[in-house]
């Protein structure tokens, strides 16, 4: 039986893509937050913001470091875990550059 073992490049791409999609959904939520909560700050709105902030930090850490931690802790593959974190970081830099270039392009050529 052949076991499929995805490459670190592919795993890092998926991790970074998941992080990009999650952050995009949070950004979409915040862009519509005034419609949901109103524009005046109140205790519940601030509590919801900080709770979402903490939960988002945990989700992002799991997406970014979860598999690398498993490689390090369970599989004792420290070099692969570090390599995965580096590759994921490069994919995240790619997404940041893509977003910035998209913003510049949209602002340069308005419809």
PDB file of N, CA and C in Angstrom:
ATOM      1  N   UNK A   1       0.839  -1.172   0.000  1.00  0.00           N
ATOM      2  CA  UNK A   1       0.000   0.000   0.000  1.00  0.00           C
ATOM      3  C   UNK A   1       0.893   1.247   0.000  1.00  0.00           C
ATOM      4  N   UNK A   2       0.568   2.173  -0.866  1.00  0.00           N
ATOM      5  CA  UNK A   2       1.321   3.413  -0.980  1.00  0.00           C
ATOM      6  C   UNK A   2       0.655   4.478  -0.118  1.00  0.00           C
ATOM      7  N   UNK A   3       1.452   5.074   0.753  1.00  0.00           N
ATOM      8  CA  UNK A   3       0.936   6.157   1.590  1.00  0.00           C
ATOM      9  C   UNK A   3       1.265   7.486   0.928  1.00  0.00           C
ATOM     10  N   UNK A   4       0.258   8.340   0.826  1.00  0.00           N
ATOM     11  CA  UNK A   4       0.468   9.663   0.258  1.00  0.00           C
ATOM     12  C   UNK A   4       0.960  10.590   1.356  1.00  0.00           C
ATOM     13  N   UNK A   5       2.076  11.221   1.110  1.00  0.00           N
ATOM     14  CA  UNK A   5       2.638  12.172   2.051  1.00  0.00           C
ATOM     15  C   UNK A   5       2.839  13.492   1.319  1.00  0.00           C
ATOM     16  N   UNK A   6       2.010  14.489   1.610  1.00  0.00           N
ATOM     17  CA  UNK A   6       2.125  15.755   0.884  1.00  0.00           C
ATOM     18  C   UNK A   6       3.459  16.439   1.185  1.00  0.00           C
ATOM     19  N   UNK A   7       3.938  17.183   0.210  1.00  0.00           N
ATOM     20  CA  UNK A   7       5.194  17.907   0.392  1.00  0.00           C
ATOM     21  C   UNK A   7       4.983  19.078   1.347  1.00  0.00           C
ATOM     22  N   UNK A   8       6.078  19.538   1.920  1.00  0.00           N
ATOM     23  CA  UNK A   8       5.986  20.678   2.821  1.00  0.00           C
ATOM     24  C   UNK A   8       5.555  21.931   2.077  1.00  0.00           C
ATOM     25  N   UNK A   9       5.951  22.044   0.820  1.00  0.00           N
ATOM     26  CA  UNK A   9       5.550  23.203   0.030  1.00  0.00           C
ATOM     27  C   UNK A   9       4.029  23.248  -0.128  1.00  0.00           C
ATOM     28  N   UNK A  10       3.417  22.097  -0.387  1.00  0.00           N
ATOM     29  CA  UNK A  10       1.966  22.027  -0.542  1.00  0.00           C
ATOM     30  C   UNK A  10       1.261  22.281   0.788  1.00  0.00           C
ATOM     31  N   UNK A  11       1.765  21.706   1.868  1.00  0.00           N
ATOM     32  CA  UNK A  11       1.163  21.917   3.194  1.00  0.00           C
ATOM     33  C   UNK A  11       1.260  23.387   3.585  1.00  0.00           C
ATOM     34  N   UNK A  12       2.417  23.993   3.324  1.00  0.00           N
ATOM     35  CA  UNK A  12       2.577  25.410   3.665  1.00  0.00           C
ATOM     36  C   UNK A  12       1.649  26.281   2.830  1.00  0.00           C
ATOM     37  N   UNK A  13       1.453  25.918   1.562  1.00  0.00           N
ATOM     38  CA  UNK A  13       0.516  26.649   0.714  1.00  0.00           C
ATOM     39  C   UNK A  13      -0.897  26.563   1.279  1.00  0.00           C
ATOM     40  N   UNK A  14      -1.321  25.364   1.676  1.00  0.00           N
ATOM     41  CA  UNK A  14      -2.667  25.196   2.233  1.00  0.00           C
ATOM     42  C   UNK A  14      -2.833  25.939   3.552  1.00  0.00           C
ATOM     43  N   UNK A  15      -1.815  25.893   4.407  1.00  0.00           N
ATOM     44  CA  UNK A  15      -1.886  26.615   5.676  1.00  0.00           C
ATOM     45  C   UNK A  15      -2.025  28.112   5.431  1.00  0.00           C
ATOM     46  N   UNK A  16      -1.207  28.623   4.533  1.00  0.00           N
ATOM     47  CA  UNK A  16      -1.230  30.046   4.243  1.00  0.00           C
ATOM     48  C   UNK A  16      -2.534  30.450   3.564  1.00  0.00           C
ATOM     49  N   UNK A  17      -3.037  29.616   2.675  1.00  0.00           N
ATOM     50  CA  UNK A  17      -4.317  29.885   2.028  1.00  0.00           C
ATOM     51  C   UNK A  17      -5.443  29.905   3.056  1.00  0.00           C
ATOM     52  N   UNK A  18      -5.440  28.962   3.981  1.00  0.00           N
ATOM     53  CA  UNK A  18      -6.437  28.952   5.043  1.00  0.00           C
ATOM     54  C   UNK A  18      -6.370  30.203   5.894  1.00  0.00           C
ATOM     55  N   UNK A  19      -5.160  30.634   6.206  1.00  0.00           N
ATOM     56  CA  UNK A  19      -4.992  31.858   6.980  1.00  0.00           C
ATOM     57  C   UNK A  19      -5.478  33.074   6.200  1.00  0.00           C
ATOM     58  N   UNK A  20      -5.179  33.115   4.905  1.00  0.00           N
ATOM     59  CA  UNK A  20      -5.624  34.212   4.047  1.00  0.00           C
ATOM     60  C   UNK A  20      -7.149  34.264   3.973  1.00  0.00           C
ATOM     61  N   UNK A  21      -7.777  33.119   3.792  1.00  0.00           N
ATOM     62  CA  UNK A  21      -9.241  33.065   3.721  1.00  0.00           C
ATOM     63  C   UNK A  21      -9.857  33.466   5.056  1.00  0.00           C
ATOM     64  N   UNK A  22      -9.307  32.966   6.148  1.00  0.00           N
ATOM     65  CA  UNK A  22      -9.838  33.315   7.470  1.00  0.00           C
ATOM     66  C   UNK A  22      -9.717  34.817   7.721  1.00  0.00           C
ATOM     67  N   UNK A  23      -8.553  35.389   7.440  1.00  0.00           N
ATOM     68  CA  UNK A  23      -8.368  36.835   7.651  1.00  0.00           C
ATOM     69  C   UNK A  23      -9.270  37.645   6.724  1.00  0.00           C
ATOM     70  N   UNK A  24      -9.507  37.150   5.515  1.00  0.00           N
ATOM     71  CA  UNK A  24     -10.421  37.835   4.601  1.00  0.00           C
ATOM     72  C   UNK A  24     -11.846  37.835   5.147  1.00  0.00           C
ATOM     73  N   UNK A  25     -12.265  36.714   5.717  1.00  0.00           N
ATOM     74  CA  UNK A  25     -13.604  36.643   6.307  1.00  0.00           C
ATOM     75  C   UNK A  25     -13.735  37.562   7.519  1.00  0.00           C
ATOM     76  N   UNK A  26     -12.692  37.648   8.329  1.00  0.00           N
ATOM     77  CA  UNK A  26     -12.714  38.566   9.473  1.00  0.00           C
ATOM     78  C   UNK A  26     -12.749  40.005   8.973  1.00  0.00           C
ATOM     79  N   UNK A  27     -11.987  40.310   7.925  1.00  0.00           N
ATOM     80  CA  UNK A  27     -12.027  41.648   7.344  1.00  0.00           C
ATOM     81  C   UNK A  27     -13.405  41.987   6.795  1.00  0.00           C
ATOM     82  N   UNK A  28     -14.052  41.017   6.151  1.00  0.00           N
ATOM     83  CA  UNK A  28     -15.408  41.211   5.650  1.00  0.00           C
ATOM     84  C   UNK A  28     -16.379  41.461   6.802  1.00  0.00           C
ATOM     85  N   UNK A  29     -16.203  40.721   7.885  1.00  0.00           N
ATOM     86  CA  UNK A  29     -17.033  40.921   9.068  1.00  0.00           C
ATOM     87  C   UNK A  29     -16.862  42.335   9.608  1.00  0.00           C
ATOM     88  N   UNK A  30     -15.610  42.794   9.733  1.00  0.00           N
ATOM     89  CA  UNK A  30     -15.373  44.137  10.275  1.00  0.00           C
ATOM     90  C   UNK A  30     -15.841  45.235   9.339  1.00  0.00           C
ATOM     91  N   UNK A  31     -15.799  44.978   8.044  1.00  0.00           N
ATOM     92  CA  UNK A  31     -16.277  46.010   7.123  1.00  0.00           C
ATOM     93  C   UNK A  31     -17.794  46.186   7.220  1.00  0.00           C
ATOM     94  N   UNK A  32     -18.482  45.176   7.719  1.00  0.00           N
ATOM     95  CA  UNK A  32     -19.939  45.258   7.898  1.00  0.00           C
ATOM     96  C   UNK A  32     -20.341  45.356   9.364  1.00  0.00           C
ATOM     97  N   UNK A  33     -19.392  45.572  10.262  1.00  0.00           N
ATOM     98  CA  UNK A  33     -19.695  45.573  11.695  1.00  0.00           C
ATOM     99  C   UNK A  33     -20.612  46.727  12.089  1.00  0.00           C
ATOM    100  N   UNK A  34     -20.498  47.867  11.421  1.00  0.00           N
ATOM    101  CA  UNK A  34     -21.379  49.000  11.753  1.00  0.00           C
ATOM    102  C   UNK A  34     -22.836  48.665  11.492  1.00  0.00           C
ATOM    103  N   UNK A  35     -23.091  47.910  10.446  1.00  0.00           N
ATOM    104  CA  UNK A  35     -24.465  47.520  10.128  1.00  0.00           C
ATOM    105  C   UNK A  35     -25.010  46.525  11.153  1.00  0.00           C
ATOM    106  N   UNK A  36     -24.115  45.700  11.698  1.00  0.00           N
ATOM    107  CA  UNK A  36     -24.552  44.684  12.652  1.00  0.00           C
ATOM    108  C   UNK A  36     -24.693  45.224  14.064  1.00  0.00           C
ATOM    109  N   UNK A  37     -23.730  46.051  14.496  1.00  0.00           N
ATOM    110  CA  UNK A  37     -23.688  46.483  15.891  1.00  0.00           C
ATOM    111  C   UNK A  37     -24.031  47.956  16.092  1.00  0.00           C
ATOM    112  N   UNK A  38     -24.132  48.716  15.025  1.00  0.00           N
ATOM    113  CA  UNK A  38     -24.336  50.154  15.161  1.00  0.00           C
ATOM    114  C   UNK A  38     -22.996  50.864  15.246  1.00  0.00           C
ATOM    115  N   UNK A  39     -23.019  52.156  15.038  1.00  0.00           N
ATOM    116  CA  UNK A  39     -21.765  52.894  14.987  1.00  0.00           C
ATOM    117  C   UNK A  39     -21.296  53.390  16.354  1.00  0.00           C
ATOM    118  N   UNK A  40     -22.175  53.483  17.325  1.00  0.00           N
ATOM    119  CA  UNK A  40     -21.780  53.961  18.648  1.00  0.00           C
ATOM    120  C   UNK A  40     -21.136  52.819  19.439  1.00  0.00           C
ATOM    121  N   UNK A  41     -19.949  53.069  19.999  1.00  0.00           N
ATOM    122  CA  UNK A  41     -19.307  52.002  20.785  1.00  0.00           C
ATOM    123  C   UNK A  41     -20.068  51.739  22.086  1.00  0.00           C
ATOM    124  N   UNK A  42     -20.188  50.484  22.429  1.00  0.00           N
ATOM    125  CA  UNK A  42     -20.812  50.121  23.694  1.00  0.00           C
ATOM    126  C   UNK A  42     -20.052  48.950  24.293  1.00  0.00           C
ATOM    127  N   UNK A  43     -20.411  48.579  25.488  1.00  0.00           N
ATOM    128  CA  UNK A  43     -19.688  47.533  26.200  1.00  0.00           C
ATOM    129  C   UNK A  43     -19.736  46.196  25.457  1.00  0.00           C
ATOM    130  N   UNK A  44     -20.890  45.848  24.930  1.00  0.00           N
ATOM    131  CA  UNK A  44     -21.021  44.557  24.258  1.00  0.00           C
ATOM    132  C   UNK A  44     -20.233  44.519  22.952  1.00  0.00           C
ATOM    133  N   UNK A  45     -20.204  45.644  22.250  1.00  0.00           N
ATOM    134  CA  UNK A  45     -19.414  45.701  21.021  1.00  0.00           C
ATOM    135  C   UNK A  45     -17.932  45.561  21.296  1.00  0.00           C
ATOM    136  N   UNK A  46     -17.447  46.230  22.331  1.00  0.00           N
ATOM    137  CA  UNK A  46     -16.032  46.118  22.698  1.00  0.00           C
ATOM    138  C   UNK A  46     -15.698  44.715  23.198  1.00  0.00           C
ATOM    139  N   UNK A  47     -16.591  44.137  23.989  1.00  0.00           N
ATOM    140  CA  UNK A  47     -16.365  42.777  24.480  1.00  0.00           C
ATOM    141  C   UNK A  47     -16.340  41.784  23.316  1.00  0.00           C
ATOM    142  N   UNK A  48     -17.245  41.963  22.357  1.00  0.00           N
ATOM    143  CA  UNK A  48     -17.263  41.080  21.185  1.00  0.00           C
ATOM    144  C   UNK A  48     -15.991  41.241  20.370  1.00  0.00           C
ATOM    145  N   UNK A  49     -15.510  42.484  20.225  1.00  0.00           N
ATOM    146  CA  UNK A  49     -14.284  42.726  19.473  1.00  0.00           C
ATOM    147  C   UNK A  49     -13.091  42.026  20.119  1.00  0.00           C
ATOM    148  N   UNK A  50     -12.915  42.221  21.421  1.00  0.00           N
ATOM    149  CA  UNK A  50     -11.750  41.630  22.083  1.00  0.00           C
ATOM    150  C   UNK A  50     -11.849  40.109  22.164  1.00  0.00           C
ATOM    151  N   UNK A  51     -13.044  39.592  22.323  1.00  0.00           N
ATOM    152  CA  UNK A  51     -13.201  38.135  22.299  1.00  0.00           C
ATOM    153  C   UNK A  51     -12.868  37.578  20.929  1.00  0.00           C
ATOM    154  N   UNK A  52     -13.351  38.234  19.881  1.00  0.00           N
ATOM    155  CA  UNK A  52     -13.015  37.814  18.521  1.00  0.00           C
ATOM    156  C   UNK A  52     -11.520  37.926  18.279  1.00  0.00           C
ATOM    157  N   UNK A  53     -10.885  38.953  18.814  1.00  0.00           N
ATOM    158  CA  UNK A  53      -9.447  39.140  18.669  1.00  0.00           C
ATOM    159  C   UNK A  53      -8.676  37.970  19.279  1.00  0.00           C
ATOM    160  N   UNK A  54      -9.053  37.571  20.487  1.00  0.00           N
ATOM    161  CA  UNK A  54      -8.369  36.466  21.167  1.00  0.00           C
ATOM    162  C   UNK A  54      -8.617  35.148  20.449  1.00  0.00           C
ATOM    163  N   UNK A  55      -9.863  34.893  20.065  1.00  0.00           N
ATOM    164  CA  UNK A  55     -10.186  33.655  19.350  1.00  0.00           C
ATOM    165  C   UNK A  55      -9.464  33.625  17.999  1.00  0.00           C
ATOM    166  N   UNK A  56      -9.380  34.761  17.332  1.00  0.00           N
ATOM    167  CA  UNK A  56      -8.672  34.830  16.051  1.00  0.00           C
ATOM    168  C   UNK A  56      -7.189  34.538  16.221  1.00  0.00           C
ATOM    169  N   UNK A  57      -6.598  35.016  17.306  1.00  0.00           N
ATOM    170  CA  UNK A  57      -5.189  34.728  17.557  1.00  0.00           C
ATOM    171  C   UNK A  57      -4.964  33.229  17.714  1.00  0.00           C
ATOM    172  N   UNK A  58      -5.863  32.556  18.408  1.00  0.00           N
ATOM    173  CA  UNK A  58      -5.743  31.107  18.597  1.00  0.00           C
ATOM    174  C   UNK A  58      -5.926  30.375  17.266  1.00  0.00           C
ATOM    175  N   UNK A  59      -6.941  30.772  16.493  1.00  0.00           N
ATOM    176  CA  UNK A  59      -7.193  30.126  15.201  1.00  0.00           C
ATOM    177  C   UNK A  59      -6.013  30.334  14.259  1.00  0.00           C
ATOM    178  N   UNK A  60      -5.485  31.545  14.205  1.00  0.00           N
ATOM    179  CA  UNK A  60      -4.334  31.822  13.342  1.00  0.00           C
ATOM    180  C   UNK A  60      -3.104  31.031  13.783  1.00  0.00           C
ATOM    181  N   UNK A  61      -2.896  30.923  15.091  1.00  0.00           N
ATOM    182  CA  UNK A  61      -1.767  30.129  15.586  1.00  0.00           C
ATOM    183  C   UNK A  61      -1.929  28.658  15.211  1.00  0.00           C
ATOM    184  N   UNK A  62      -3.138  28.142  15.302  1.00  0.00           N
ATOM    185  CA  UNK A  62      -3.370  26.745  14.920  1.00  0.00           C
ATOM    186  C   UNK A  62      -3.158  26.532  13.425  1.00  0.00           C
ATOM    187  N   UNK A  63      -3.657  27.468  12.607  1.00  0.00           N
ATOM    188  CA  UNK A  63      -3.475  27.345  11.167  1.00  0.00           C
ATOM    189  C   UNK A  63      -2.000  27.453  10.781  1.00  0.00           C
ATOM    190  N   UNK A  64      -1.289  28.331  11.443  1.00  0.00           N
ATOM    191  CA  UNK A  64       0.094  28.629  11.079  1.00  0.00           C
ATOM    192  C   UNK A  64       1.075  27.624  11.679  1.00  0.00           C
ATOM    193  N   UNK A  65       0.850  27.224  12.919  1.00  0.00           N
ATOM    194  CA  UNK A  65       1.839  26.424  13.637  1.00  0.00           C
ATOM    195  C   UNK A  65       1.380  25.020  14.015  1.00  0.00           C
ATOM    196  N   UNK A  66       0.130  24.683  13.753  1.00  0.00           N
ATOM    197  CA  UNK A  66      -0.397  23.398  14.206  1.00  0.00           C
ATOM    198  C   UNK A  66       0.349  22.193  13.666  1.00  0.00           C
ATOM    199  N   UNK A  67       0.485  22.109  12.355  1.00  0.00           N
ATOM    200  CA  UNK A  67       1.154  20.947  11.758  1.00  0.00           C
ATOM    201  C   UNK A  67       2.637  20.951  12.084  1.00  0.00           C
ATOM    202  N   UNK A  68       3.248  22.140  12.124  1.00  0.00           N
ATOM    203  CA  UNK A  68       4.669  22.229  12.479  1.00  0.00           C
ATOM    204  C   UNK A  68       4.894  21.742  13.910  1.00  0.00           C
ATOM    205  N   UNK A  69       3.984  22.087  14.805  1.00  0.00           N
ATOM    206  CA  UNK A  69       4.099  21.605  16.174  1.00  0.00           C
ATOM    207  C   UNK A  69       3.957  20.088  16.224  1.00  0.00           C
ATOM    208  N   UNK A  70       3.042  19.553  15.443  1.00  0.00           N
ATOM    209  CA  UNK A  70       2.875  18.090  15.397  1.00  0.00           C
ATOM    210  C   UNK A  70       4.148  17.424  14.865  1.00  0.00           C
ATOM    211  N   UNK A  71       4.734  18.008  13.811  1.00  0.00           N
ATOM    212  CA  UNK A  71       5.992  17.454  13.297  1.00  0.00           C
ATOM    213  C   UNK A  71       7.089  17.495  14.353  1.00  0.00           C
ATOM    214  N   UNK A  72       7.156  18.592  15.073  1.00  0.00           N
ATOM    215  CA  UNK A  72       8.196  18.751  16.082  1.00  0.00           C
ATOM    216  C   UNK A  72       7.954  17.846  17.291  1.00  0.00           C
ATOM    217  N   UNK A  73       6.746  17.858  17.828  1.00  0.00           N
ATOM    218  CA  UNK A  73       6.472  17.185  19.092  1.00  0.00           C
ATOM    219  C   UNK A  73       6.252  15.679  18.935  1.00  0.00           C
ATOM    220  N   UNK A  74       5.420  15.296  17.983  1.00  0.00           N
ATOM    221  CA  UNK A  74       5.067  13.887  17.833  1.00  0.00           C
ATOM    222  C   UNK A  74       6.049  13.116  16.941  1.00  0.00           C
ATOM    223  N   UNK A  75       6.436  13.732  15.840  1.00  0.00           N
ATOM    224  CA  UNK A  75       7.285  13.040  14.871  1.00  0.00           C
ATOM    225  C   UNK A  75       8.782  13.262  15.099  1.00  0.00           C
ATOM    226  N   UNK A  76       9.127  14.190  15.970  1.00  0.00           N
ATOM    227  CA  UNK A  76      10.525  14.523  16.288  1.00  0.00           C
ATOM    228  C   UNK A  76      11.304  14.936  15.037  1.00  0.00           C
ATOM    229  N   UNK A  77      10.632  15.689  14.171  1.00  0.00           N
ATOM    230  CA  UNK A  77      11.239  16.168  12.923  1.00  0.00           C
ATOM    231  C   UNK A  77      11.407  17.682  13.002  1.00  0.00           C
ATOM    232  N   UNK A  78      12.368  18.099  13.786  1.00  0.00           N
ATOM    233  CA  UNK A  78      12.577  19.525  14.049  1.00  0.00           C
ATOM    234  C   UNK A  78      12.910  20.291  12.775  1.00  0.00           C
ATOM    235  N   UNK A  79      13.780  19.746  11.950  1.00  0.00           N
ATOM    236  CA  UNK A  79      14.186  20.446  10.726  1.00  0.00           C
ATOM    237  C   UNK A  79      12.996  20.638   9.782  1.00  0.00           C
ATOM    238  N   UNK A  80      12.164  19.611   9.636  1.00  0.00           N
ATOM    239  CA  UNK A  80      10.982  19.741   8.774  1.00  0.00           C
ATOM    240  C   UNK A  80       9.991  20.751   9.342  1.00  0.00           C
ATOM    241  N   UNK A  81       9.843  20.789  10.662  1.00  0.00           N
ATOM    242  CA  UNK A  81       8.934  21.742  11.292  1.00  0.00           C
ATOM    243  C   UNK A  81       9.404  23.178  11.040  1.00  0.00           C
ATOM    244  N   UNK A  82      10.685  23.427  11.204  1.00  0.00           N
ATOM    245  CA  UNK A  82      11.228  24.769  10.956  1.00  0.00           C
ATOM    246  C   UNK A  82      11.104  25.123   9.483  1.00  0.00           C
ATOM    247  N   UNK A  83      11.381  24.173   8.619  1.00  0.00           N
ATOM    248  CA  UNK A  83      11.254  24.402   7.177  1.00  0.00           C
ATOM    249  C   UNK A  83       9.810  24.737   6.808  1.00  0.00           C
ATOM    250  N   UNK A  84       8.858  24.055   7.411  1.00  0.00           N
ATOM    251  CA  UNK A  84       7.443  24.325   7.158  1.00  0.00           C
ATOM    252  C   UNK A  84       7.062  25.738   7.598  1.00  0.00           C
ATOM    253  N   UNK A  85       7.536  26.165   8.752  1.00  0.00           N
ATOM    254  CA  UNK A  85       7.239  27.518   9.225  1.00  0.00           C
ATOM    255  C   UNK A  85       7.832  28.555   8.274  1.00  0.00           C
ATOM    256  N   UNK A  86       9.036  28.319   7.797  1.00  0.00           N
ATOM    257  CA  UNK A  86       9.677  29.248   6.848  1.00  0.00           C
ATOM    258  C   UNK A  86       8.892  29.301   5.542  1.00  0.00           C
ATOM    259  N   UNK A  87       8.504  28.145   5.013  1.00  0.00           N
ATOM    260  CA  UNK A  87       7.729  28.119   3.766  1.00  0.00           C
ATOM    261  C   UNK A  87       6.377  28.808   3.928  1.00  0.00           C
ATOM    262  N   UNK A  88       5.714  28.579   5.040  1.00  0.00           N
ATOM    263  CA  UNK A  88       4.426  29.229   5.288  1.00  0.00           C
ATOM    264  C   UNK A  88       4.597  30.739   5.375  1.00  0.00           C
ATOM    265  N   UNK A  89       5.675  31.176   5.983  1.00  0.00           N
ATOM    266  CA  UNK A  89       5.958  32.607   6.064  1.00  0.00           C
ATOM    267  C   UNK A  89       6.148  33.199   4.673  1.00  0.00           C
ATOM    268  N   UNK A  90       6.867  32.499   3.807  1.00  0.00           N
ATOM    269  CA  UNK A  90       7.048  32.996   2.442  1.00  0.00           C
ATOM    270  C   UNK A  90       5.718  33.058   1.683  1.00  0.00           C
ATOM    271  N   UNK A  91       4.859  32.055   1.860  1.00  0.00           N
ATOM    272  CA  UNK A  91       3.544  32.105   1.224  1.00  0.00           C
ATOM    273  C   UNK A  91       2.737  33.290   1.745  1.00  0.00           C
ATOM    274  N   UNK A  92       2.821  33.568   3.048  1.00  0.00           N
ATOM    275  CA  UNK A  92       2.105  34.721   3.616  1.00  0.00           C
ATOM    276  C   UNK A  92       2.637  36.029   3.055  1.00  0.00           C
ATOM    277  N   UNK A  93       3.948  36.130   2.870  1.00  0.00           N
ATOM    278  CA  UNK A  93       4.530  37.320   2.247  1.00  0.00           C
ATOM    279  C   UNK A  93       4.013  37.460   0.817  1.00  0.00           C
ATOM    280  N   UNK A  94       3.900  36.340   0.112  1.00  0.00           N
ATOM    281  CA  UNK A  94       3.350  36.363  -1.243  1.00  0.00           C
ATOM    282  C   UNK A  94       1.931  36.925  -1.242  1.00  0.00           C
ATOM    283  N   UNK A  95       1.094  36.475  -0.309  1.00  0.00           N
ATOM    284  CA  UNK A  95      -0.282  36.974  -0.237  1.00  0.00           C
ATOM    285  C   UNK A  95      -0.322  38.458   0.109  1.00  0.00           C
ATOM    286  N   UNK A  96       0.548  38.900   1.002  1.00  0.00           N
ATOM    287  CA  UNK A  96       0.599  40.324   1.344  1.00  0.00           C
ATOM    288  C   UNK A  96       0.972  41.145   0.118  1.00  0.00           C
ATOM    289  N   UNK A  97       1.997  40.703  -0.615  1.00  0.00           N
ATOM    290  CA  UNK A  97       2.401  41.420  -1.832  1.00  0.00           C
ATOM    291  C   UNK A  97       1.289  41.408  -2.875  1.00  0.00           C
ATOM    292  N   UNK A  98       0.592  40.289  -3.003  1.00  0.00           N
ATOM    293  CA  UNK A  98      -0.529  40.200  -3.934  1.00  0.00           C
ATOM    294  C   UNK A  98      -1.607  41.218  -3.573  1.00  0.00           C
ATOM    295  N   UNK A  99      -1.937  41.312  -2.294  1.00  0.00           N
ATOM    296  CA  UNK A  99      -2.967  42.262  -1.851  1.00  0.00           C
ATOM    297  C   UNK A  99      -2.517  43.694  -2.105  1.00  0.00           C
ATOM    298  N   UNK A 100      -1.264  44.004  -1.756  1.00  0.00           N
ATOM    299  CA  UNK A 100      -0.768  45.363  -1.968  1.00  0.00           C
ATOM    300  C   UNK A 100      -0.734  45.728  -3.447  1.00  0.00           C
ATOM    301  N   UNK A 101      -0.289  44.812  -4.290  1.00  0.00           N
ATOM    302  CA  UNK A 101      -0.279  45.078  -5.727  1.00  0.00           C
ATOM    303  C   UNK A 101      -1.694  45.242  -6.269  1.00  0.00           C
ATOM    304  N   UNK A 102      -2.608  44.472  -5.758  1.00  0.00           N
ATOM    305  CA  UNK A 102      -4.012  44.591  -6.175  1.00  0.00           C
ATOM    306  C   UNK A 102      -4.582  45.954  -5.779  1.00  0.00           C
ATOM    307  N   UNK A 103      -4.257  46.401  -4.570  1.00  0.00           N
ATOM    308  CA  UNK A 103      -4.726  47.715  -4.121  1.00  0.00           C
ATOM    309  C   UNK A 103      -4.148  48.811  -5.004  1.00  0.00           C
ATOM    310  N   UNK A 104      -2.855  48.738  -5.290  1.00  0.00           N
ATOM    311  CA  UNK A 104      -2.217  49.749  -6.132  1.00  0.00           C
ATOM    312  C   UNK A 104      -2.819  49.720  -7.527  1.00  0.00           C
ATOM    313  N   UNK A 105      -3.059  48.529  -8.071  1.00  0.00           N
ATOM    314  CA  UNK A 105      -3.599  48.416  -9.419  1.00  0.00           C
ATOM    315  C   UNK A 105      -5.020  48.985  -9.486  1.00  0.00           C
ATOM    316  N   UNK A 106      -5.850  48.679  -8.502  1.00  0.00           N
ATOM    317  CA  UNK A 106      -7.226  49.185  -8.483  1.00  0.00           C
ATOM    318  C   UNK A 106      -7.224  50.705  -8.347  1.00  0.00           C
ATOM    319  N   UNK A 107      -6.352  51.246  -7.506  1.00  0.00           N
ATOM    320  CA  UNK A 107      -6.305  52.699  -7.322  1.00  0.00           C
ATOM    321  C   UNK A 107      -5.689  53.409  -8.527  1.00  0.00           C
ATOM    322  N   UNK A 108      -4.864  52.712  -9.304  1.00  0.00           N
ATOM    323  CA  UNK A 108      -4.251  53.328 -10.478  1.00  0.00           C
ATOM    324  C   UNK A 108      -5.193  53.361 -11.680  1.00  0.00           C
ATOM    325  N   UNK A 109      -6.060  52.366 -11.772  1.00  0.00           N
ATOM    326  CA  UNK A 109      -6.968  52.248 -12.899  1.00  0.00           C
ATOM    327  C   UNK A 109      -8.408  52.154 -12.404  1.00  0.00           C
ATOM    328  N   UNK A 110      -8.983  53.237 -11.907  1.00  0.00           N
ATOM    329  CA  UNK A 110     -10.366  53.168 -11.410  1.00  0.00           C
ATOM    330  C   UNK A 110     -11.349  52.930 -12.552  1.00  0.00           C
ATOM    331  N   UNK A 111     -12.441  52.300 -12.230  1.00  0.00           N
ATOM    332  CA  UNK A 111     -13.461  51.999 -13.254  1.00  0.00           C
ATOM    333  C   UNK A 111     -14.248  53.207 -13.618  1.00  0.00           C
TER     334      UNK A 111
END
